[in-house]
Amino acid sequence: MSDLPRKAVTRTAKLAALPLGIAGRATWGFGKRIVGESAELVGRELQQRTAEQLFKVLGELKGGAMKFGQALSVFESALPEEVAGPYRAALTKLQEAAPPMPTRTVHAVLEERLGEGWHELFLEFEDKPAAAASIGQVHRGVWHDGREVAVKVQYPGAGEALLSDLNQLSRFSRLLGPLIPGMDIKPLIAELKDRVSEELDYGLEAQAQQAHAEEFTDDPDVVVPQVVHQSDQVLVTEWMDGIPLSEIISDGTQEQRDRAGQLLARFLFSGPARTGLLHADPHPGNFRLLPGGPEGEDDWRLGVLDFGTVDRLPGGLPATIGESLRMTLDGEAEAVYELLCAEGFVKETIELDPDAVMDYLLPIIEPAQVEEFTFTRGWMRNQAARVADPRSPAYQLGKQLNLPPSYLLIHRVTLSTIGVLCQLGATVRLRQELEEWLPGFVPEDPADGEEAVAEG
């Protein structure tokens, strides 16, 4: 029996306490405002206390609650620093200190999935987990052929717990909204629910990871561990050392931050172009910095883990993204608006001013306007404040835009990656990556088409 609290009544009671706590703090805040304290200060204190309670409960539950916490973690850059500090500490704890499964449960799963002689598959197996995730935990071992491996074991009952948590969280998503300014929590939870069955399927994860491992085998910049063995609830992959990105965020040198940021952007845009898959869980726990980049041992490569959530994009990222981005940079307001209407970003029943849409988009795409851009928490906070303030024109326009379902995951992954870049404080040559990997960003040269016809 795992210590993952699986009884619906237990999990529901823990999660149900969250909105009660939020409501109680709101009443307390109202009282403080009556006695003359600044609404802004009271609001920040409310936000801080809410974040602390939220992540205490999420960390205890693992499952979907922890998954939700990880998805939120990349957006802490949007919070005021005095709130973000405690929030960041709570999230780090959430990602790294989830309580482990009992050893007997781990052995029972391995025996059921790998057979009674599972011990013989390993020269060594460490009972103490090396890491914990939302639906499973990772053990270090040595495979029978001598390779160091990571053994990912799924929590019994993880699927049921995952759905139970997300259903409960969705019921009071409106109350959680103020945690991250400008972010609509409900679609995020809905999208996490849609991905549950996929994330629980280690067969699909193995396929996605192996596709990346093969594509990036000789890549000088990106490392993906090979899949060694897979069965229901157990996934064995090559072990990967390196410095977790969370450590680079907290203690890394500027050189490490810039290199990690550049490679993160490169992987975001090159992955779909090279594999037809988008790694869709870009929180810092899934990345490492490894020595031995193109410039030698003092250079760095990016290690990528956890392919449980991917978006399948056989043609790479949609060319519409690159085309609309390029045309926005070129100031083609009418053409951008027509493209957004055609793709369903503006519903047929709504009419907007193309120049107003341009004013809304330009600050967001600032990193693509220059040769290199320094991502900062301050920049992220300004963007969040602009789209979250009901008095702002950006807020009013943003409410009228629509996000087509096919773009939902791409949008979240892009926003999440930008959130991590801001946490890193990295200076990144983003435009360089867009020009190389984003379809539609560089206009096609008519001469290329003529050459292709001639060769045909």
Protein backbone atom coordinates (compact mmCIF):
# COMPACT_ATOMS: atom_id res chain seq x y z
CA MET A 1 0.00 0.00 0.00
CA SER A 2 1.51 3.31 -1.07
CA ASP A 3 1.53 6.36 1.19
CA LEU A 4 -0.01 8.28 -1.71
CA PRO A 5 -3.36 9.26 -0.12
CA ARG A 6 -5.78 7.56 -2.48
CA LYS A 7 -9.10 7.54 -0.67
CA ALA A 8 -11.24 10.13 -2.41
CA VAL A 9 -12.63 11.42 0.87
CA THR A 10 -9.13 12.08 2.30
CA ARG A 11 -7.83 13.84 -0.80
CA THR A 12 -11.03 15.81 -1.28
CA ALA A 13 -11.01 16.97 2.34
CA LYS A 14 -7.43 18.25 2.04
CA LEU A 15 -8.13 20.07 -1.21
CA ALA A 16 -11.52 21.36 -0.05
CA ALA A 17 -9.76 23.09 2.84
CA LEU A 18 -7.95 25.33 0.36
CA PRO A 19 -10.85 27.57 -0.74
CA LEU A 20 -12.06 27.78 2.88
CA GLY A 21 -8.63 29.03 3.85
CA ILE A 22 -8.61 31.50 0.96
CA ALA A 23 -12.06 32.79 1.92
CA GLY A 24 -10.98 33.16 5.55
CA ARG A 25 -7.89 35.13 4.55
CA ALA A 26 -9.99 37.37 2.28
CA THR A 27 -12.20 38.25 5.28
CA TRP A 28 -9.07 38.92 7.36
CA GLY A 29 -7.75 41.14 4.53
CA PHE A 30 -11.00 43.09 4.38
CA GLY A 31 -10.71 43.74 8.11
CA LYS A 32 -7.15 45.01 7.74
CA ARG A 33 -8.22 47.39 4.96
CA ILE A 34 -11.00 48.78 7.20
CA VAL A 35 -8.36 49.77 9.77
CA GLY A 36 -6.43 51.63 7.10
CA GLU A 37 -3.73 49.32 5.74
CA SER A 38 -2.77 49.66 2.08
CA ALA A 39 -4.88 47.48 -0.24
CA GLU A 40 -1.74 46.62 -2.22
CA LEU A 41 0.17 45.45 0.87
CA VAL A 42 -2.79 43.47 2.16
CA GLY A 43 -3.25 41.91 -1.30
CA ARG A 44 0.36 40.79 -1.41
CA GLU A 45 0.19 39.31 2.08
CA LEU A 46 -2.99 37.44 1.08
CA GLN A 47 -1.26 36.14 -2.04
CA GLN A 48 1.76 35.00 -0.04
CA ARG A 49 -0.31 33.16 2.60
CA THR A 50 -2.44 31.53 -0.10
CA ALA A 51 0.65 30.31 -1.98
CA GLU A 52 2.14 28.85 1.21
CA GLN A 53 -1.05 26.92 2.05
CA LEU A 54 -1.60 25.78 -1.54
CA PHE A 55 1.84 24.25 -1.92
CA LYS A 56 1.86 22.68 1.53
CA VAL A 57 -1.30 20.74 0.56
CA LEU A 58 -0.11 19.99 -2.98
CA GLY A 59 3.20 18.62 -1.72
CA GLU A 60 1.43 16.24 0.67
CA LEU A 61 -0.87 14.88 -2.01
CA LYS A 62 1.43 14.36 -5.03
CA GLY A 63 -0.80 13.20 -7.88
CA GLY A 64 -2.69 15.79 -9.90
CA ALA A 65 -2.27 18.37 -7.17
CA MET A 66 1.51 18.18 -7.48
CA LYS A 67 1.20 18.20 -11.29
CA PHE A 68 -0.79 21.43 -11.05
CA GLY A 69 1.84 22.91 -8.74
CA GLN A 70 4.62 22.06 -11.18
CA ALA A 71 2.66 23.63 -14.05
CA LEU A 72 2.26 26.81 -11.98
CA SER A 73 5.90 26.83 -10.87
CA VAL A 74 7.22 28.26 -14.11
CA PHE A 75 4.99 31.32 -13.76
CA GLU A 76 6.26 32.52 -10.39
CA SER A 77 8.31 35.11 -12.33
CA ALA A 78 5.05 37.02 -12.79
CA LEU A 79 4.65 37.55 -9.02
CA PRO A 80 5.99 40.50 -6.99
CA GLU A 81 9.39 39.51 -5.56
CA GLU A 82 8.24 39.65 -1.92
CA VAL A 83 5.57 37.07 -2.79
CA ALA A 84 7.71 35.11 -5.26
CA GLY A 85 10.43 34.38 -2.67
CA PRO A 86 8.31 32.23 -0.31
CA TYR A 87 6.37 30.89 -3.32
CA ARG A 88 9.64 29.77 -4.94
CA ALA A 89 10.79 28.07 -1.75
CA ALA A 90 7.45 26.21 -1.44
CA LEU A 91 7.68 25.07 -5.07
CA THR A 92 11.26 23.87 -4.73
CA LYS A 93 10.17 21.78 -1.77
CA LEU A 94 7.21 20.51 -3.78
CA GLN A 95 9.44 19.39 -6.65
CA GLU A 96 12.20 17.83 -4.58
CA ALA A 97 10.76 16.60 -1.29
CA ALA A 98 7.64 14.59 -2.00
CA PRO A 99 7.36 11.69 0.50
CA PRO A 100 8.59 8.40 -1.02
CA MET A 101 6.68 5.17 -1.61
CA PRO A 102 7.48 2.44 0.92
CA THR A 103 10.18 0.05 -0.33
CA ARG A 104 7.81 -2.93 -0.15
CA THR A 105 5.40 -1.15 -2.55
CA VAL A 106 8.21 -0.44 -5.02
CA HIS A 107 9.32 -4.09 -4.91
CA ALA A 108 5.72 -5.27 -5.37
CA VAL A 109 5.30 -3.13 -8.51
CA LEU A 110 8.64 -4.33 -9.92
CA GLU A 111 7.75 -7.96 -9.24
CA GLU A 112 4.33 -7.59 -10.83
CA ARG A 113 5.63 -5.76 -13.94
CA LEU A 114 9.12 -7.26 -14.47
CA GLY A 115 8.55 -10.74 -13.02
CA GLU A 116 9.60 -12.56 -9.85
CA GLY A 117 13.24 -12.52 -10.92
CA TRP A 118 13.34 -8.75 -11.39
CA HIS A 119 16.45 -8.51 -9.19
CA GLU A 120 18.40 -10.46 -11.82
CA LEU A 121 17.86 -7.65 -14.35
CA PHE A 122 19.99 -5.37 -12.17
CA LEU A 123 23.57 -5.59 -10.95
CA GLU A 124 22.54 -2.92 -8.39
CA PHE A 125 19.25 -1.33 -7.35
CA GLU A 126 18.93 1.48 -4.79
CA ASP A 127 15.78 1.21 -2.67
CA LYS A 128 16.00 4.85 -1.64
CA PRO A 129 14.42 6.96 -4.43
CA ALA A 130 16.65 9.46 -6.21
CA ALA A 131 13.71 11.69 -7.19
CA ALA A 132 9.93 11.96 -6.86
CA ALA A 133 7.44 13.17 -9.47
CA SER A 134 3.69 13.66 -9.63
CA ILE A 135 2.79 10.09 -10.65
CA GLY A 136 5.90 8.08 -9.84
CA GLN A 137 9.38 8.06 -8.36
CA VAL A 138 12.84 7.34 -9.76
CA HIS A 139 15.39 4.86 -8.40
CA ARG A 140 19.03 4.60 -9.40
CA GLY A 141 20.40 1.25 -10.49
CA VAL A 142 22.88 -0.61 -12.69
CA TRP A 143 21.36 -2.67 -15.50
CA HIS A 144 22.61 -6.22 -16.11
CA ASP A 145 24.79 -4.98 -19.01
CA GLY A 146 26.61 -2.51 -16.74
CA ARG A 147 24.79 0.67 -17.76
CA GLU A 148 23.76 3.07 -14.99
CA VAL A 149 20.00 3.47 -15.20
CA ALA A 150 17.07 5.46 -13.86
CA VAL A 151 14.11 3.22 -12.92
CA LYS A 152 10.81 5.10 -12.94
CA VAL A 153 8.11 3.33 -10.92
CA GLN A 154 4.50 4.54 -11.08
CA TYR A 155 2.56 4.99 -7.83
CA PRO A 156 -0.25 2.40 -7.49
CA GLY A 157 -3.54 4.24 -7.93
CA ALA A 158 -1.81 7.24 -9.51
CA GLY A 159 -4.39 7.65 -12.28
CA GLU A 160 -7.34 7.72 -9.90
CA ALA A 161 -5.57 10.19 -7.60
CA LEU A 162 -4.54 12.39 -10.54
CA LEU A 163 -8.09 12.76 -11.85
CA SER A 164 -9.59 13.17 -8.38
CA ASP A 165 -7.21 16.04 -7.58
CA LEU A 166 -7.69 17.84 -10.88
CA ASN A 167 -11.48 17.54 -10.68
CA GLN A 168 -11.42 19.01 -7.20
CA LEU A 169 -9.00 21.81 -8.19
CA SER A 170 -11.15 22.75 -11.18
CA ARG A 171 -14.14 23.31 -8.88
CA PHE A 172 -12.48 26.28 -7.24
CA SER A 173 -10.14 27.40 -10.02
CA ARG A 174 -11.65 30.90 -9.85
CA LEU A 175 -10.37 31.28 -6.27
CA LEU A 176 -6.86 30.22 -7.33
CA GLY A 177 -6.81 32.73 -10.21
CA PRO A 178 -5.22 35.63 -8.25
CA LEU A 179 -2.11 33.51 -7.55
CA ILE A 180 -0.76 34.16 -11.05
CA PRO A 181 -1.85 37.51 -12.52
CA GLY A 182 -3.13 37.33 -16.07
CA MET A 183 -3.39 33.55 -16.13
CA ASP A 184 -6.65 31.69 -16.56
CA ILE A 185 -6.35 28.65 -14.28
CA LYS A 186 -9.40 26.71 -15.53
CA PRO A 187 -8.09 25.89 -19.08
CA LEU A 188 -4.74 24.86 -17.55
CA ILE A 189 -6.46 22.33 -15.26
CA ALA A 190 -8.72 21.12 -18.13
CA GLU A 191 -5.68 20.56 -20.33
CA LEU A 192 -3.86 18.66 -17.55
CA LYS A 193 -6.95 16.43 -17.20
CA ASP A 194 -6.99 15.77 -20.95
CA ARG A 195 -3.40 14.52 -20.72
CA VAL A 196 -3.87 12.15 -17.77
CA SER A 197 -4.23 8.89 -19.71
CA GLU A 198 -1.27 9.77 -21.90
CA GLU A 199 0.96 10.59 -18.95
CA LEU A 200 0.10 7.31 -17.23
CA ASP A 201 1.08 5.32 -20.35
CA TYR A 202 4.80 4.60 -20.00
CA GLY A 203 4.70 2.94 -23.45
CA LEU A 204 3.89 6.28 -25.10
CA GLU A 205 6.50 8.02 -22.94
CA ALA A 206 9.13 5.46 -23.97
CA GLN A 207 8.35 6.01 -27.67
CA ALA A 208 8.58 9.81 -27.34
CA GLN A 209 11.82 9.65 -25.34
CA GLN A 210 13.46 7.16 -27.71
CA ALA A 211 12.51 9.28 -30.74
CA HIS A 212 14.29 12.24 -29.14
CA ALA A 213 17.24 10.12 -27.96
CA GLU A 214 17.85 8.84 -31.50
CA GLU A 215 17.44 12.26 -33.14
CA PHE A 216 19.79 13.97 -30.67
CA THR A 217 22.35 11.12 -30.42
CA ASP A 218 25.25 13.11 -31.89
CA ASP A 219 23.95 16.56 -31.04
CA PRO A 220 26.64 18.79 -29.48
CA ASP A 221 24.11 20.76 -27.42
CA VAL A 222 21.26 18.49 -26.27
CA VAL A 223 21.39 15.12 -24.49
CA VAL A 224 18.40 12.76 -24.10
CA PRO A 225 18.88 9.42 -22.24
CA GLN A 226 18.17 6.23 -24.24
CA VAL A 227 15.30 3.96 -23.21
CA VAL A 228 16.62 0.66 -21.81
CA HIS A 229 13.40 -1.21 -20.92
CA GLN A 230 9.70 -0.45 -20.59
CA SER A 231 6.63 -2.21 -19.21
CA ASP A 232 3.37 -1.07 -17.60
CA GLN A 233 4.17 1.20 -14.64
CA VAL A 234 7.95 0.77 -15.01
CA LEU A 235 10.30 2.70 -17.33
CA VAL A 236 14.06 2.10 -17.33
CA THR A 237 16.28 4.67 -19.07
CA GLU A 238 19.96 5.53 -19.04
CA TRP A 239 20.97 7.53 -15.98
CA MET A 240 21.90 11.18 -16.50
CA ASP A 241 23.95 13.22 -14.04
CA GLY A 242 24.32 16.99 -14.31
CA ILE A 243 23.28 20.13 -12.45
CA PRO A 244 19.49 20.47 -12.08
CA LEU A 245 18.18 23.66 -13.68
CA SER A 246 16.60 24.59 -10.31
CA GLU A 247 20.17 24.87 -8.92
CA ILE A 248 21.27 27.00 -11.86
CA ILE A 249 18.28 29.28 -11.17
CA SER A 250 19.21 29.65 -7.50
CA ASP A 251 23.04 29.55 -7.60
CA GLY A 252 24.33 29.37 -11.19
CA THR A 253 26.88 31.72 -12.77
CA GLN A 254 25.70 34.15 -15.44
CA GLU A 255 27.56 32.08 -18.02
CA GLN A 256 25.62 28.96 -16.98
CA ARG A 257 22.33 30.88 -16.97
CA ASP A 258 22.89 32.28 -20.46
CA ARG A 259 23.97 28.90 -21.87
CA ALA A 260 21.01 27.09 -20.26
CA GLY A 261 18.62 29.73 -21.58
CA GLN A 262 20.00 29.55 -25.12
CA LEU A 263 19.79 25.75 -25.20
CA LEU A 264 16.30 25.74 -23.67
CA ALA A 265 15.09 28.06 -26.45
CA ARG A 266 16.89 25.91 -29.04
CA PHE A 267 15.29 22.72 -27.75
CA LEU A 268 11.81 24.32 -27.63
CA PHE A 269 11.91 25.28 -31.31
CA SER A 270 14.17 22.58 -32.79
CA GLY A 271 12.49 19.59 -31.09
CA PRO A 272 9.22 19.72 -33.09
CA ALA A 273 11.10 20.42 -36.34
CA ARG A 274 13.40 17.41 -35.81
CA THR A 275 11.12 14.86 -34.14
CA GLY A 276 7.53 15.98 -34.85
CA LEU A 277 7.05 16.11 -31.06
CA LEU A 278 6.92 19.01 -28.59
CA HIS A 279 8.21 18.28 -25.07
CA ALA A 280 5.28 19.72 -23.13
CA ASP A 281 6.45 19.77 -19.50
CA PRO A 282 9.17 22.43 -19.36
CA HIS A 283 9.54 22.96 -15.62
CA PRO A 284 13.10 23.20 -14.21
CA GLY A 285 13.00 19.69 -12.67
CA ASN A 286 13.10 18.19 -16.17
CA PHE A 287 16.38 19.76 -17.30
CA ARG A 288 20.07 19.43 -16.40
CA LEU A 289 23.29 21.19 -17.40
CA LEU A 290 26.03 18.73 -18.37
CA PRO A 291 29.71 19.50 -19.03
CA GLY A 292 31.26 18.75 -22.42
CA GLY A 293 29.60 21.12 -24.89
CA PRO A 294 30.97 22.08 -28.32
CA GLU A 295 33.81 24.14 -26.76
CA GLY A 296 35.03 21.28 -24.53
CA GLU A 297 34.65 20.27 -20.88
CA ASP A 298 34.22 23.87 -19.75
CA ASP A 299 31.22 24.26 -22.05
CA TRP A 300 27.71 23.01 -21.27
CA ARG A 301 25.04 20.83 -22.84
CA LEU A 302 21.35 20.61 -21.94
CA GLY A 303 20.05 17.31 -20.61
CA VAL A 304 16.31 16.71 -21.07
CA LEU A 305 14.16 14.32 -19.00
CA ASP A 306 10.50 13.23 -18.71
CA PHE A 307 8.65 12.80 -21.99
CA GLY A 308 5.36 11.81 -20.35
CA THR A 309 3.58 14.80 -21.90
CA VAL A 310 4.22 15.64 -25.54
CA ASP A 311 2.29 17.37 -28.29
CA ARG A 312 2.34 15.44 -31.57
CA LEU A 313 3.16 17.86 -34.40
CA PRO A 314 4.10 15.77 -37.48
CA GLY A 315 4.85 18.90 -39.53
CA GLY A 316 6.62 20.72 -36.70
CA LEU A 317 5.21 23.88 -35.15
CA PRO A 318 2.41 25.43 -37.26
CA ALA A 319 3.74 27.86 -39.88
CA THR A 320 0.99 30.29 -38.80
CA ILE A 321 2.99 31.05 -35.64
CA GLY A 322 6.12 32.00 -37.58
CA GLU A 323 4.20 33.92 -40.25
CA SER A 324 2.14 35.98 -37.78
CA LEU A 325 5.25 36.68 -35.67
CA ARG A 326 7.22 37.87 -38.71
CA MET A 327 4.38 40.04 -40.00
CA THR A 328 3.88 41.58 -36.53
CA LEU A 329 7.58 42.48 -36.41
CA ASP A 330 7.20 44.00 -39.91
CA GLY A 331 4.22 46.09 -38.76
CA GLU A 332 1.70 44.45 -41.10
CA ALA A 333 -1.33 44.98 -38.85
CA GLU A 334 -4.03 44.13 -41.41
CA ALA A 335 -2.29 40.93 -42.60
CA VAL A 336 -1.71 39.75 -39.01
CA TYR A 337 -5.35 40.38 -38.14
CA GLU A 338 -6.58 38.47 -41.22
CA LEU A 339 -4.35 35.50 -40.32
CA LEU A 340 -5.55 35.48 -36.69
CA CYS A 341 -9.17 35.55 -37.89
CA ALA A 342 -8.54 32.72 -40.36
CA GLU A 343 -6.97 30.54 -37.65
CA GLY A 344 -9.76 31.15 -35.12
CA PHE A 345 -7.85 33.43 -32.70
CA VAL A 346 -10.56 36.00 -33.38
CA LYS A 347 -14.08 34.54 -33.48
CA GLU A 348 -16.37 35.42 -36.40
CA THR A 349 -18.77 37.23 -34.09
CA ILE A 350 -16.08 39.65 -32.88
CA GLU A 351 -14.52 42.59 -34.70
CA LEU A 352 -11.31 44.15 -33.44
CA ASP A 353 -9.12 47.05 -34.54
CA PRO A 354 -6.00 45.57 -36.25
CA ASP A 355 -3.81 48.35 -34.84
CA ALA A 356 -5.08 47.63 -31.32
CA VAL A 357 -4.24 43.94 -31.82
CA MET A 358 -0.75 45.02 -32.93
CA ASP A 359 -0.35 47.17 -29.79
CA TYR A 360 -1.36 44.13 -27.70
CA LEU A 361 1.15 41.78 -29.40
CA LEU A 362 4.27 43.94 -29.76
CA PRO A 363 5.36 44.02 -26.06
CA ILE A 364 4.94 40.24 -25.83
CA ILE A 365 7.20 39.58 -28.82
CA GLU A 366 9.88 42.06 -27.75
CA PRO A 367 12.46 39.22 -27.32
CA ALA A 368 12.19 38.46 -31.07
CA GLN A 369 12.70 42.08 -32.12
CA VAL A 370 16.38 42.24 -31.15
CA GLU A 371 19.51 40.18 -31.76
CA GLU A 372 19.66 39.18 -28.09
CA PHE A 373 17.30 39.74 -25.19
CA THR A 374 17.74 39.50 -21.42
CA PHE A 375 14.75 37.76 -19.84
CA THR A 376 14.05 39.06 -16.34
CA ARG A 377 11.43 38.60 -13.66
CA GLY A 378 10.73 42.33 -13.92
CA TRP A 379 9.90 42.02 -17.62
CA MET A 380 7.62 39.05 -16.91
CA ARG A 381 5.87 40.95 -14.10
CA ASN A 382 5.27 43.93 -16.41
CA GLN A 383 3.73 41.65 -19.06
CA ALA A 384 1.51 39.96 -16.47
CA ALA A 385 0.41 43.29 -14.99
CA ARG A 386 -0.41 44.67 -18.45
CA VAL A 387 -2.78 41.83 -19.36
CA ALA A 388 -4.20 41.36 -15.83
CA ASP A 389 -5.19 44.93 -14.99
CA PRO A 390 -8.91 45.41 -15.83
CA ARG A 391 -8.19 49.12 -16.48
CA SER A 392 -5.65 48.24 -19.18
CA PRO A 393 -6.56 48.24 -22.92
CA ALA A 394 -4.51 45.02 -23.20
CA TYR A 395 -6.78 43.34 -20.64
CA GLN A 396 -9.93 44.41 -22.48
CA LEU A 397 -8.58 43.23 -25.85
CA GLY A 398 -7.13 39.99 -24.47
CA LYS A 399 -10.56 38.99 -23.14
CA GLN A 400 -11.91 39.07 -26.70
CA LEU A 401 -9.21 36.87 -28.22
CA ASN A 402 -9.70 33.11 -28.52
CA LEU A 403 -7.15 30.30 -28.21
CA PRO A 404 -7.99 27.44 -30.62
CA PRO A 405 -7.64 23.99 -28.96
CA SER A 406 -4.84 22.93 -31.34
CA TYR A 407 -2.70 25.81 -30.06
CA LEU A 408 -3.44 25.39 -26.35
CA LEU A 409 -0.51 23.16 -25.45
CA ILE A 410 1.92 25.03 -27.73
CA HIS A 411 0.88 28.28 -26.04
CA ARG A 412 1.36 26.87 -22.53
CA VAL A 413 4.75 25.34 -23.37
CA THR A 414 5.97 28.60 -24.92
CA LEU A 415 4.77 30.64 -21.94
CA SER A 416 6.28 28.12 -19.51
CA THR A 417 9.64 28.20 -21.28
CA ILE A 418 9.64 32.01 -21.19
CA GLY A 419 8.84 31.76 -17.48
CA VAL A 420 11.92 29.57 -16.94
CA LEU A 421 14.09 31.93 -19.03
CA CYS A 422 12.97 34.78 -16.74
CA GLN A 423 13.77 32.69 -13.65
CA LEU A 424 17.25 32.13 -15.12
CA GLY A 425 17.69 35.83 -15.95
CA ALA A 426 19.28 34.58 -19.18
CA THR A 427 20.46 36.65 -22.14
CA VAL A 428 19.33 34.69 -25.20
CA ARG A 429 19.69 35.10 -28.97
CA LEU A 430 16.07 34.06 -29.49
CA ARG A 431 15.75 35.48 -32.99
CA GLN A 432 18.59 33.20 -34.15
CA GLU A 433 16.65 30.12 -32.99
CA LEU A 434 13.42 31.36 -34.60
CA GLU A 435 15.16 31.95 -37.93
CA GLU A 436 16.64 28.46 -37.92
CA TRP A 437 13.75 26.38 -36.59
CA LEU A 438 10.36 28.14 -36.69
CA PRO A 439 8.41 27.44 -39.92
CA GLY A 440 7.12 30.59 -41.61
CA PHE A 441 9.36 33.00 -39.67
CA VAL A 442 11.78 33.47 -42.54
CA PRO A 443 9.86 34.22 -45.77
CA GLU A 444 10.43 31.69 -48.51
CA ASP A 445 12.74 32.87 -51.27
CA PRO A 446 10.87 32.54 -54.58
CA ALA A 447 14.16 31.41 -56.13
CA ASP A 448 14.12 28.33 -53.83
CA GLY A 449 10.78 27.27 -55.28
CA GLU A 450 12.05 27.78 -58.85
CA GLU A 451 15.14 25.65 -58.12
CA ALA A 452 12.95 22.88 -56.66
CA VAL A 453 10.76 22.90 -59.77
CA ALA A 454 13.82 22.81 -62.02
CA GLU A 455 15.28 19.85 -60.10
CA GLY A 456 11.91 18.06 -60.23
